[in-house]
Amino acid sequence: MLVCHCNIITQKEIEATIISLLDADPWQLIVPAKVYHTLKQRGRCCGCFPNVVETIIRVTEEYHRRSVDTGDEVVTYLDRVRGLRGQFGSNANEGRSKDHRAA
């Protein structure tokens, strides 16, 4: 699935990048800018960033769930992050007006 139309980045590329970052340091903070920098790209319109954040949370959760030495505390923490995103407006639009058209 194509996630970023500006840079032509797929879901699988983003997931592979997140896993490689987690392999280097499982407890680092991964943000969309770090993912794009690793892919040697940059956010242009940044409309895909909310989806990238959701992918980061999902892949990180799965990564830590598979690891042996971690357990429920990681999932609990990521659930709290999801709750904060909902509380502070992750459902808001991307700063675009209703009649915004890219093409």
PDB file of N, CA and C in Angstrom:
ATOM      1  N   MET A   1       0.843  -1.174   0.000  1.00  0.00           N
ATOM      2  CA  MET A   1       0.000   0.000   0.000  1.00  0.00           C
ATOM      3  C   MET A   1       0.891   1.242   0.000  1.00  0.00           C
ATOM      4  N   LEU A   2       0.542   2.204  -0.792  1.00  0.00           N
ATOM      5  CA  LEU A   2       1.286   3.449  -0.878  1.00  0.00           C
ATOM      6  C   LEU A   2       0.869   4.356   0.276  1.00  0.00           C
ATOM      7  N   VAL A   3       1.842   4.760   1.101  1.00  0.00           N
ATOM      8  CA  VAL A   3       1.546   5.615   2.249  1.00  0.00           C
ATOM      9  C   VAL A   3       1.830   7.069   1.916  1.00  0.00           C
ATOM     10  N   CYS A   4       2.975   7.332   1.318  1.00  0.00           N
ATOM     11  CA  CYS A   4       3.375   8.700   0.990  1.00  0.00           C
ATOM     12  C   CYS A   4       3.360   8.863  -0.528  1.00  0.00           C
ATOM     13  N   HIS A   5       2.410   9.635  -1.010  1.00  0.00           N
ATOM     14  CA  HIS A   5       2.291   9.847  -2.447  1.00  0.00           C
ATOM     15  C   HIS A   5       3.336  10.835  -2.961  1.00  0.00           C
ATOM     16  N   CYS A   6       3.788  11.735  -2.117  1.00  0.00           N
ATOM     17  CA  CYS A   6       4.794  12.724  -2.536  1.00  0.00           C
ATOM     18  C   CYS A   6       6.136  12.064  -2.834  1.00  0.00           C
ATOM     19  N   ASN A   7       6.530  11.099  -2.005  1.00  0.00           N
ATOM     20  CA  ASN A   7       7.828  10.451  -2.149  1.00  0.00           C
ATOM     21  C   ASN A   7       7.740   9.023  -2.683  1.00  0.00           C
ATOM     22  N   ILE A   8       6.545   8.542  -2.935  1.00  0.00           N
ATOM     23  CA  ILE A   8       6.297   7.166  -3.392  1.00  0.00           C
ATOM     24  C   ILE A   8       6.945   6.172  -2.420  1.00  0.00           C
ATOM     25  N   ILE A   9       6.454   6.178  -1.180  1.00  0.00           N
ATOM     26  CA  ILE A   9       6.945   5.275  -0.141  1.00  0.00           C
ATOM     27  C   ILE A   9       5.800   4.339   0.243  1.00  0.00           C
ATOM     28  N   THR A  10       6.101   3.052   0.267  1.00  0.00           N
ATOM     29  CA  THR A  10       5.081   2.058   0.576  1.00  0.00           C
ATOM     30  C   THR A  10       5.077   1.712   2.064  1.00  0.00           C
ATOM     31  N   GLN A  11       4.011   1.060   2.470  1.00  0.00           N
ATOM     32  CA  GLN A  11       3.868   0.601   3.858  1.00  0.00           C
ATOM     33  C   GLN A  11       4.998  -0.354   4.228  1.00  0.00           C
ATOM     34  N   LYS A  12       5.334  -1.265   3.332  1.00  0.00           N
ATOM     35  CA  LYS A  12       6.390  -2.246   3.611  1.00  0.00           C
ATOM     36  C   LYS A  12       7.745  -1.578   3.796  1.00  0.00           C
ATOM     37  N   GLU A  13       8.039  -0.538   3.032  1.00  0.00           N
ATOM     38  CA  GLU A  13       9.305   0.184   3.195  1.00  0.00           C
ATOM     39  C   GLU A  13       9.368   0.864   4.558  1.00  0.00           C
ATOM     40  N   ILE A  14       8.265   1.449   4.974  1.00  0.00           N
ATOM     41  CA  ILE A  14       8.226   2.112   6.280  1.00  0.00           C
ATOM     42  C   ILE A  14       8.381   1.083   7.392  1.00  0.00           C
ATOM     43  N   GLU A  15       7.680  -0.040   7.287  1.00  0.00           N
ATOM     44  CA  GLU A  15       7.782  -1.082   8.310  1.00  0.00           C
ATOM     45  C   GLU A  15       9.203  -1.634   8.395  1.00  0.00           C
ATOM     46  N   ALA A  16       9.847  -1.878   7.259  1.00  0.00           N
ATOM     47  CA  ALA A  16      11.218  -2.390   7.258  1.00  0.00           C
ATOM     48  C   ALA A  16      12.182  -1.386   7.869  1.00  0.00           C
ATOM     49  N   THR A  17      11.975  -0.112   7.611  1.00  0.00           N
ATOM     50  CA  THR A  17      12.825   0.928   8.188  1.00  0.00           C
ATOM     51  C   THR A  17      12.660   0.989   9.699  1.00  0.00           C
ATOM     52  N   ILE A  18      11.430   0.905  10.171  1.00  0.00           N
ATOM     53  CA  ILE A  18      11.176   0.935  11.616  1.00  0.00           C
ATOM     54  C   ILE A  18      11.842  -0.260  12.287  1.00  0.00           C
ATOM     55  N   ILE A  19      11.726  -1.436  11.694  1.00  0.00           N
ATOM     56  CA  ILE A  19      12.345  -2.627  12.272  1.00  0.00           C
ATOM     57  C   ILE A  19      13.862  -2.491  12.295  1.00  0.00           C
ATOM     58  N   SER A  20      14.454  -1.935  11.238  1.00  0.00           N
ATOM     59  CA  SER A  20      15.913  -1.754  11.245  1.00  0.00           C
ATOM     60  C   SER A  20      16.337  -0.752  12.317  1.00  0.00           C
ATOM     61  N   LEU A  21      15.544   0.288  12.525  1.00  0.00           N
ATOM     62  CA  LEU A  21      15.851   1.244  13.595  1.00  0.00           C
ATOM     63  C   LEU A  21      15.720   0.583  14.969  1.00  0.00           C
ATOM     64  N   LEU A  22      14.700  -0.239  15.145  1.00  0.00           N
ATOM     65  CA  LEU A  22      14.521  -0.932  16.418  1.00  0.00           C
ATOM     66  C   LEU A  22      15.611  -1.973  16.649  1.00  0.00           C
ATOM     67  N   ASP A  23      16.102  -2.600  15.586  1.00  0.00           N
ATOM     68  CA  ASP A  23      17.211  -3.543  15.727  1.00  0.00           C
ATOM     69  C   ASP A  23      18.466  -2.837  16.221  1.00  0.00           C
ATOM     70  N   ALA A  24      18.678  -1.599  15.771  1.00  0.00           N
ATOM     71  CA  ALA A  24      19.844  -0.832  16.208  1.00  0.00           C
ATOM     72  C   ALA A  24      19.710  -0.421  17.677  1.00  0.00           C
ATOM     73  N   ASP A  25      18.533   0.006  18.093  1.00  0.00           N
ATOM     74  CA  ASP A  25      18.284   0.402  19.480  1.00  0.00           C
ATOM     75  C   ASP A  25      16.794   0.237  19.762  1.00  0.00           C
ATOM     76  N   PRO A  26      16.413  -0.821  20.489  1.00  0.00           N
ATOM     77  CA  PRO A  26      14.991  -1.098  20.691  1.00  0.00           C
ATOM     78  C   PRO A  26      14.245  -0.046  21.499  1.00  0.00           C
ATOM     79  N   TRP A  27      14.938   0.822  22.219  1.00  0.00           N
ATOM     80  CA  TRP A  27      14.258   1.787  23.083  1.00  0.00           C
ATOM     81  C   TRP A  27      14.401   3.224  22.606  1.00  0.00           C
ATOM     82  N   GLN A  28      14.816   3.405  21.373  1.00  0.00           N
ATOM     83  CA  GLN A  28      14.915   4.764  20.863  1.00  0.00           C
ATOM     84  C   GLN A  28      13.534   5.313  20.508  1.00  0.00           C
ATOM     85  N   LEU A  29      13.437   6.613  20.472  1.00  0.00           N
ATOM     86  CA  LEU A  29      12.198   7.269  20.085  1.00  0.00           C
ATOM     87  C   LEU A  29      12.189   7.386  18.566  1.00  0.00           C
ATOM     88  N   ILE A  30      11.215   6.775  17.945  1.00  0.00           N
ATOM     89  CA  ILE A  30      11.111   6.808  16.490  1.00  0.00           C
ATOM     90  C   ILE A  30       9.969   7.737  16.120  1.00  0.00           C
ATOM     91  N   VAL A  31      10.275   8.714  15.300  1.00  0.00           N
ATOM     92  CA  VAL A  31       9.296   9.685  14.819  1.00  0.00           C
ATOM     93  C   VAL A  31       9.312   9.657  13.294  1.00  0.00           C
ATOM     94  N   PRO A  32       8.278  10.192  12.651  1.00  0.00           N
ATOM     95  CA  PRO A  32       8.250  10.162  11.189  1.00  0.00           C
ATOM     96  C   PRO A  32       9.481  10.785  10.534  1.00  0.00           C
ATOM     97  N   ALA A  33      10.013  11.869  11.093  1.00  0.00           N
ATOM     98  CA  ALA A  33      11.191  12.501  10.499  1.00  0.00           C
ATOM     99  C   ALA A  33      12.398  11.560  10.490  1.00  0.00           C
ATOM    100  N   LYS A  34      12.543  10.747  11.544  1.00  0.00           N
ATOM    101  CA  LYS A  34      13.652   9.795  11.599  1.00  0.00           C
ATOM    102  C   LYS A  34      13.471   8.700  10.547  1.00  0.00           C
ATOM    103  N   VAL A  35      12.244   8.255  10.355  1.00  0.00           N
ATOM    104  CA  VAL A  35      11.961   7.234   9.343  1.00  0.00           C
ATOM    105  C   VAL A  35      12.279   7.789   7.953  1.00  0.00           C
ATOM    106  N   TYR A  36      11.818   8.995   7.678  1.00  0.00           N
ATOM    107  CA  TYR A  36      12.063   9.598   6.365  1.00  0.00           C
ATOM    108  C   TYR A  36      13.550   9.876   6.141  1.00  0.00           C
ATOM    109  N   HIS A  37      14.254  10.307   7.190  1.00  0.00           N
ATOM    110  CA  HIS A  37      15.689  10.548   7.063  1.00  0.00           C
ATOM    111  C   HIS A  37      16.425   9.251   6.737  1.00  0.00           C
ATOM    112  N   THR A  38      16.036   8.163   7.379  1.00  0.00           N
ATOM    113  CA  THR A  38      16.648   6.864   7.108  1.00  0.00           C
ATOM    114  C   THR A  38      16.381   6.423   5.670  1.00  0.00           C
ATOM    115  N   LEU A  39      15.207   6.758   5.155  1.00  0.00           N
ATOM    116  CA  LEU A  39      14.862   6.431   3.772  1.00  0.00           C
ATOM    117  C   LEU A  39      15.455   7.433   2.768  1.00  0.00           C
ATOM    118  N   LYS A  40      16.199   8.422   3.289  1.00  0.00           N
ATOM    119  CA  LYS A  40      16.786   9.485   2.466  1.00  0.00           C
ATOM    120  C   LYS A  40      15.707  10.268   1.707  1.00  0.00           C
ATOM    121  N   GLN A  41      14.627  10.543   2.410  1.00  0.00           N
ATOM    122  CA  GLN A  41      13.522  11.333   1.890  1.00  0.00           C
ATOM    123  C   GLN A  41      13.207  12.430   2.898  1.00  0.00           C
ATOM    124  N   ARG A  42      12.259  13.283   2.568  1.00  0.00           N
ATOM    125  CA  ARG A  42      11.794  14.285   3.523  1.00  0.00           C
ATOM    126  C   ARG A  42      10.302  14.444   3.363  1.00  0.00           C
ATOM    127  N   GLY A  43       9.660  14.863   4.435  1.00  0.00           N
ATOM    128  CA  GLY A  43       8.226  15.092   4.371  1.00  0.00           C
ATOM    129  C   GLY A  43       7.949  16.319   3.529  1.00  0.00           C
ATOM    130  N   ARG A  44       7.099  16.195   2.572  1.00  0.00           N
ATOM    131  CA  ARG A  44       6.775  17.338   1.714  1.00  0.00           C
ATOM    132  C   ARG A  44       5.479  17.977   2.183  1.00  0.00           C
ATOM    133  N   CYS A  45       4.366  17.347   1.953  1.00  0.00           N
ATOM    134  CA  CYS A  45       3.103  17.920   2.437  1.00  0.00           C
ATOM    135  C   CYS A  45       2.808  17.454   3.861  1.00  0.00           C
ATOM    136  N   CYS A  46       3.439  16.360   4.286  1.00  0.00           N
ATOM    137  CA  CYS A  46       3.315  15.777   5.630  1.00  0.00           C
ATOM    138  C   CYS A  46       1.910  15.269   5.938  1.00  0.00           C
ATOM    139  N   GLY A  47       1.093  15.094   4.932  1.00  0.00           N
ATOM    140  CA  GLY A  47      -0.241  14.551   5.125  1.00  0.00           C
ATOM    141  C   GLY A  47      -0.230  13.091   5.536  1.00  0.00           C
ATOM    142  N   CYS A  48       0.878  12.397   5.262  1.00  0.00           N
ATOM    143  CA  CYS A  48       0.977  10.973   5.588  1.00  0.00           C
ATOM    144  C   CYS A  48       1.491  10.751   7.009  1.00  0.00           C
ATOM    145  N   PHE A  49       1.965  11.780   7.692  1.00  0.00           N
ATOM    146  CA  PHE A  49       2.576  11.604   9.002  1.00  0.00           C
ATOM    147  C   PHE A  49       1.655  10.946  10.026  1.00  0.00           C
ATOM    148  N   PRO A  50       0.353  11.266  10.093  1.00  0.00           N
ATOM    149  CA  PRO A  50      -0.502  10.541  11.054  1.00  0.00           C
ATOM    150  C   PRO A  50      -0.524   9.035  10.784  1.00  0.00           C
ATOM    151  N   ASN A  51      -0.543   8.634   9.525  1.00  0.00           N
ATOM    152  CA  ASN A  51      -0.509   7.208   9.201  1.00  0.00           C
ATOM    153  C   ASN A  51       0.843   6.598   9.539  1.00  0.00           C
ATOM    154  N   VAL A  52       1.911   7.357   9.357  1.00  0.00           N
ATOM    155  CA  VAL A  52       3.250   6.863   9.697  1.00  0.00           C
ATOM    156  C   VAL A  52       3.363   6.679  11.204  1.00  0.00           C
ATOM    157  N   VAL A  53       2.793   7.593  11.975  1.00  0.00           N
ATOM    158  CA  VAL A  53       2.812   7.465  13.437  1.00  0.00           C
ATOM    159  C   VAL A  53       2.070   6.205  13.867  1.00  0.00           C
ATOM    160  N   GLU A  54       0.920   5.943  13.281  1.00  0.00           N
ATOM    161  CA  GLU A  54       0.174   4.725  13.599  1.00  0.00           C
ATOM    162  C   GLU A  54       0.983   3.480  13.230  1.00  0.00           C
ATOM    163  N   THR A  55       1.683   3.534  12.114  1.00  0.00           N
ATOM    164  CA  THR A  55       2.531   2.410  11.698  1.00  0.00           C
ATOM    165  C   THR A  55       3.676   2.227  12.675  1.00  0.00           C
ATOM    166  N   ILE A  56       4.288   3.313  13.110  1.00  0.00           N
ATOM    167  CA  ILE A  56       5.380   3.237  14.087  1.00  0.00           C
ATOM    168  C   ILE A  56       4.883   2.571  15.365  1.00  0.00           C
ATOM    169  N   ILE A  57       3.732   2.986  15.854  1.00  0.00           N
ATOM    170  CA  ILE A  57       3.192   2.406  17.091  1.00  0.00           C
ATOM    171  C   ILE A  57       2.909   0.922  16.904  1.00  0.00           C
ATOM    172  N   ARG A  58       2.257   0.573  15.790  1.00  0.00           N
ATOM    173  CA  ARG A  58       1.898  -0.826  15.547  1.00  0.00           C
ATOM    174  C   ARG A  58       3.127  -1.713  15.403  1.00  0.00           C
ATOM    175  N   VAL A  59       4.107  -1.280  14.619  1.00  0.00           N
ATOM    176  CA  VAL A  59       5.305  -2.094  14.388  1.00  0.00           C
ATOM    177  C   VAL A  59       6.140  -2.193  15.659  1.00  0.00           C
ATOM    178  N   THR A  60       6.249  -1.105  16.408  1.00  0.00           N
ATOM    179  CA  THR A  60       7.004  -1.132  17.663  1.00  0.00           C
ATOM    180  C   THR A  60       6.340  -2.064  18.670  1.00  0.00           C
ATOM    181  N   GLU A  61       5.023  -2.012  18.724  1.00  0.00           N
ATOM    182  CA  GLU A  61       4.282  -2.898  19.626  1.00  0.00           C
ATOM    183  C   GLU A  61       4.525  -4.363  19.261  1.00  0.00           C
ATOM    184  N   GLU A  62       4.441  -4.687  17.988  1.00  0.00           N
ATOM    185  CA  GLU A  62       4.677  -6.064  17.539  1.00  0.00           C
ATOM    186  C   GLU A  62       6.124  -6.484  17.801  1.00  0.00           C
ATOM    187  N   TYR A  63       7.064  -5.575  17.569  1.00  0.00           N
ATOM    188  CA  TYR A  63       8.487  -5.863  17.771  1.00  0.00           C
ATOM    189  C   TYR A  63       8.755  -6.218  19.232  1.00  0.00           C
ATOM    190  N   HIS A  64       8.237  -5.409  20.144  1.00  0.00           N
ATOM    191  CA  HIS A  64       8.472  -5.655  21.572  1.00  0.00           C
ATOM    192  C   HIS A  64       7.675  -6.842  22.090  1.00  0.00           C
ATOM    193  N   ARG A  65       6.535  -7.108  21.490  1.00  0.00           N
ATOM    194  CA  ARG A  65       5.755  -8.278  21.890  1.00  0.00           C
ATOM    195  C   ARG A  65       6.509  -9.560  21.537  1.00  0.00           C
ATOM    196  N   ARG A  66       7.247  -9.540  20.417  1.00  0.00           N
ATOM    197  CA  ARG A  66       8.016 -10.715  19.997  1.00  0.00           C
ATOM    198  C   ARG A  66       9.288 -10.899  20.816  1.00  0.00           C
ATOM    199  N   SER A  67       9.804  -9.817  21.392  1.00  0.00           N
ATOM    200  CA  SER A  67      11.039  -9.952  22.159  1.00  0.00           C
ATOM    201  C   SER A  67      10.773 -10.715  23.452  1.00  0.00           C
ATOM    202  N   VAL A  68      11.781 -11.409  23.936  1.00  0.00           N
ATOM    203  CA  VAL A  68      11.616 -12.309  25.077  1.00  0.00           C
ATOM    204  C   VAL A  68      11.590 -11.559  26.399  1.00  0.00           C
ATOM    205  N   ASP A  69      12.449 -10.557  26.546  1.00  0.00           N
ATOM    206  CA  ASP A  69      12.650  -9.933  27.850  1.00  0.00           C
ATOM    207  C   ASP A  69      11.649  -8.836  28.179  1.00  0.00           C
ATOM    208  N   THR A  70      10.723  -8.515  27.292  1.00  0.00           N
ATOM    209  CA  THR A  70       9.711  -7.507  27.609  1.00  0.00           C
ATOM    210  C   THR A  70       8.355  -8.174  27.674  1.00  0.00           C
ATOM    211  N   GLY A  71       7.420  -7.437  28.228  1.00  0.00           N
ATOM    212  CA  GLY A  71       6.103  -8.039  28.380  1.00  0.00           C
ATOM    213  C   GLY A  71       5.002  -7.023  28.276  1.00  0.00           C
ATOM    214  N   ASP A  72       4.070  -7.117  29.213  1.00  0.00           N
ATOM    215  CA  ASP A  72       2.869  -6.305  29.163  1.00  0.00           C
ATOM    216  C   ASP A  72       3.129  -4.816  29.338  1.00  0.00           C
ATOM    217  N   GLU A  73       4.218  -4.435  30.003  1.00  0.00           N
ATOM    218  CA  GLU A  73       4.448  -3.024  30.264  1.00  0.00           C
ATOM    219  C   GLU A  73       4.642  -2.226  28.983  1.00  0.00           C
ATOM    220  N   VAL A  74       5.237  -2.804  27.962  1.00  0.00           N
ATOM    221  CA  VAL A  74       5.431  -2.094  26.704  1.00  0.00           C
ATOM    222  C   VAL A  74       4.091  -1.864  26.019  1.00  0.00           C
ATOM    223  N   VAL A  75       3.260  -2.867  25.983  1.00  0.00           N
ATOM    224  CA  VAL A  75       1.948  -2.740  25.360  1.00  0.00           C
ATOM    225  C   VAL A  75       1.122  -1.715  26.118  1.00  0.00           C
ATOM    226  N   THR A  76       1.198  -1.725  27.455  1.00  0.00           N
ATOM    227  CA  THR A  76       0.473  -0.758  28.258  1.00  0.00           C
ATOM    228  C   THR A  76       0.927   0.654  27.936  1.00  0.00           C
ATOM    229  N   TYR A  77       2.224   0.855  27.806  1.00  0.00           N
ATOM    230  CA  TYR A  77       2.754   2.176  27.485  1.00  0.00           C
ATOM    231  C   TYR A  77       2.251   2.640  26.120  1.00  0.00           C
ATOM    232  N   LEU A  78       2.292   1.755  25.124  1.00  0.00           N
ATOM    233  CA  LEU A  78       1.838   2.132  23.790  1.00  0.00           C
ATOM    234  C   LEU A  78       0.344   2.394  23.766  1.00  0.00           C
ATOM    235  N   ASP A  79      -0.421   1.702  24.586  1.00  0.00           N
ATOM    236  CA  ASP A  79      -1.844   2.000  24.693  1.00  0.00           C
ATOM    237  C   ASP A  79      -2.061   3.386  25.290  1.00  0.00           C
ATOM    238  N   ARG A  80      -1.227   3.771  26.241  1.00  0.00           N
ATOM    239  CA  ARG A  80      -1.316   5.121  26.802  1.00  0.00           C
ATOM    240  C   ARG A  80      -0.990   6.166  25.747  1.00  0.00           C
ATOM    241  N   VAL A  81       0.011   5.890  24.891  1.00  0.00           N
ATOM    242  CA  VAL A  81       0.348   6.816  23.815  1.00  0.00           C
ATOM    243  C   VAL A  81      -0.846   6.972  22.877  1.00  0.00           C
ATOM    244  N   ARG A  82      -1.490   5.864  22.530  1.00  0.00           N
ATOM    245  CA  ARG A  82      -2.670   5.915  21.672  1.00  0.00           C
ATOM    246  C   ARG A  82      -3.779   6.743  22.328  1.00  0.00           C
ATOM    247  N   GLY A  83      -3.964   6.567  23.631  1.00  0.00           N
ATOM    248  CA  GLY A  83      -4.983   7.327  24.336  1.00  0.00           C
ATOM    249  C   GLY A  83      -4.703   8.817  24.323  1.00  0.00           C
ATOM    250  N   LEU A  84      -3.451   9.188  24.494  1.00  0.00           N
ATOM    251  CA  LEU A  84      -3.082  10.601  24.448  1.00  0.00           C
ATOM    252  C   LEU A  84      -3.296  11.185  23.062  1.00  0.00           C
ATOM    253  N   ARG A  85      -3.004  10.409  22.035  1.00  0.00           N
ATOM    254  CA  ARG A  85      -3.224  10.889  20.672  1.00  0.00           C
ATOM    255  C   ARG A  85      -4.698  11.164  20.451  1.00  0.00           C
ATOM    256  N   GLY A  86      -5.553  10.284  20.962  1.00  0.00           N
ATOM    257  CA  GLY A  86      -6.984  10.497  20.813  1.00  0.00           C
ATOM    258  C   GLY A  86      -7.466  11.695  21.620  1.00  0.00           C
ATOM    259  N   GLN A  87      -6.890  11.858  22.806  1.00  0.00           N
ATOM    260  CA  GLN A  87      -7.289  12.944  23.687  1.00  0.00           C
ATOM    261  C   GLN A  87      -6.880  14.305  23.141  1.00  0.00           C
ATOM    262  N   PHE A  88      -5.702  14.391  22.535  1.00  0.00           N
ATOM    263  CA  PHE A  88      -5.183  15.676  22.093  1.00  0.00           C
ATOM    264  C   PHE A  88      -5.348  15.921  20.606  1.00  0.00           C
ATOM    265  N   GLY A  89      -6.281  15.238  19.966  1.00  0.00           N
ATOM    266  CA  GLY A  89      -6.681  15.634  18.636  1.00  0.00           C
ATOM    267  C   GLY A  89      -6.046  14.922  17.470  1.00  0.00           C
ATOM    268  N   SER A  90      -5.717  13.650  17.595  1.00  0.00           N
ATOM    269  CA  SER A  90      -5.193  12.954  16.423  1.00  0.00           C
ATOM    270  C   SER A  90      -6.270  12.761  15.373  1.00  0.00           C
ATOM    271  N   ASN A  91      -7.520  12.914  15.767  1.00  0.00           N
ATOM    272  CA  ASN A  91      -8.613  12.748  14.811  1.00  0.00           C
ATOM    273  C   ASN A  91      -8.886  14.024  14.027  1.00  0.00           C
ATOM    274  N   ALA A  92      -8.194  15.093  14.376  1.00  0.00           N
ATOM    275  CA  ALA A  92      -8.389  16.351  13.658  1.00  0.00           C
ATOM    276  C   ALA A  92      -7.874  16.223  12.233  1.00  0.00           C
ATOM    277  N   ASN A  93      -8.329  17.123  11.396  1.00  0.00           N
ATOM    278  CA  ASN A  93      -7.848  17.069  10.021  1.00  0.00           C
ATOM    279  C   ASN A  93      -6.368  17.439   9.972  1.00  0.00           C
ATOM    280  N   GLU A  94      -5.792  17.384   8.832  1.00  0.00           N
ATOM    281  CA  GLU A  94      -4.362  17.596   8.677  1.00  0.00           C
ATOM    282  C   GLU A  94      -4.021  19.066   8.461  1.00  0.00           C
ATOM    283  N   GLY A  95      -4.886  19.955   8.873  1.00  0.00           N
ATOM    284  CA  GLY A  95      -4.637  21.372   8.685  1.00  0.00           C
ATOM    285  C   GLY A  95      -5.065  21.864   7.312  1.00  0.00           C
ATOM    286  N   ARG A  96      -5.779  21.046   6.591  1.00  0.00           N
ATOM    287  CA  ARG A  96      -6.227  21.413   5.258  1.00  0.00           C
ATOM    288  C   ARG A  96      -7.697  21.810   5.301  1.00  0.00           C
ATOM    289  N   SER A  97      -8.056  22.677   4.415  1.00  0.00           N
ATOM    290  CA  SER A  97      -9.464  23.034   4.338  1.00  0.00           C
ATOM    291  C   SER A  97     -10.242  21.895   3.686  1.00  0.00           C
ATOM    292  N   LYS A  98     -11.527  21.926   3.839  1.00  0.00           N
ATOM    293  CA  LYS A  98     -12.367  20.842   3.317  1.00  0.00           C
ATOM    294  C   LYS A  98     -12.265  20.720   1.803  1.00  0.00           C
ATOM    295  N   ASP A  99     -12.007  21.818   1.124  1.00  0.00           N
ATOM    296  CA  ASP A  99     -11.964  21.757  -0.334  1.00  0.00           C
ATOM    297  C   ASP A  99     -10.552  21.584  -0.895  1.00  0.00           C
ATOM    298  N   HIS A 100      -9.614  21.157  -0.045  1.00  0.00           N
ATOM    299  CA  HIS A 100      -8.236  20.971  -0.494  1.00  0.00           C
ATOM    300  C   HIS A 100      -8.157  19.820  -1.489  1.00  0.00           C
ATOM    301  N   ARG A 101      -7.476  20.073  -2.570  1.00  0.00           N
ATOM    302  CA  ARG A 101      -7.239  19.022  -3.573  1.00  0.00           C
ATOM    303  C   ARG A 101      -5.775  19.074  -3.948  1.00  0.00           C
ATOM    304  N   ALA A 102      -5.124  17.941  -3.928  1.00  0.00           N
ATOM    305  CA  ALA A 102      -3.705  17.879  -4.245  1.00  0.00           C
ATOM    306  C   ALA A 102      -3.457  18.004  -5.742  1.00  0.00           C
ATOM    307  N   ALA A 103      -4.389  17.522  -6.534  1.00  0.00           N
ATOM    308  CA  ALA A 103      -4.131  17.526  -7.983  1.00  0.00           C
ATOM    309  C   ALA A 103      -5.039  18.494  -8.705  1.00  0.00           C
TER     310      ALA A 103
END
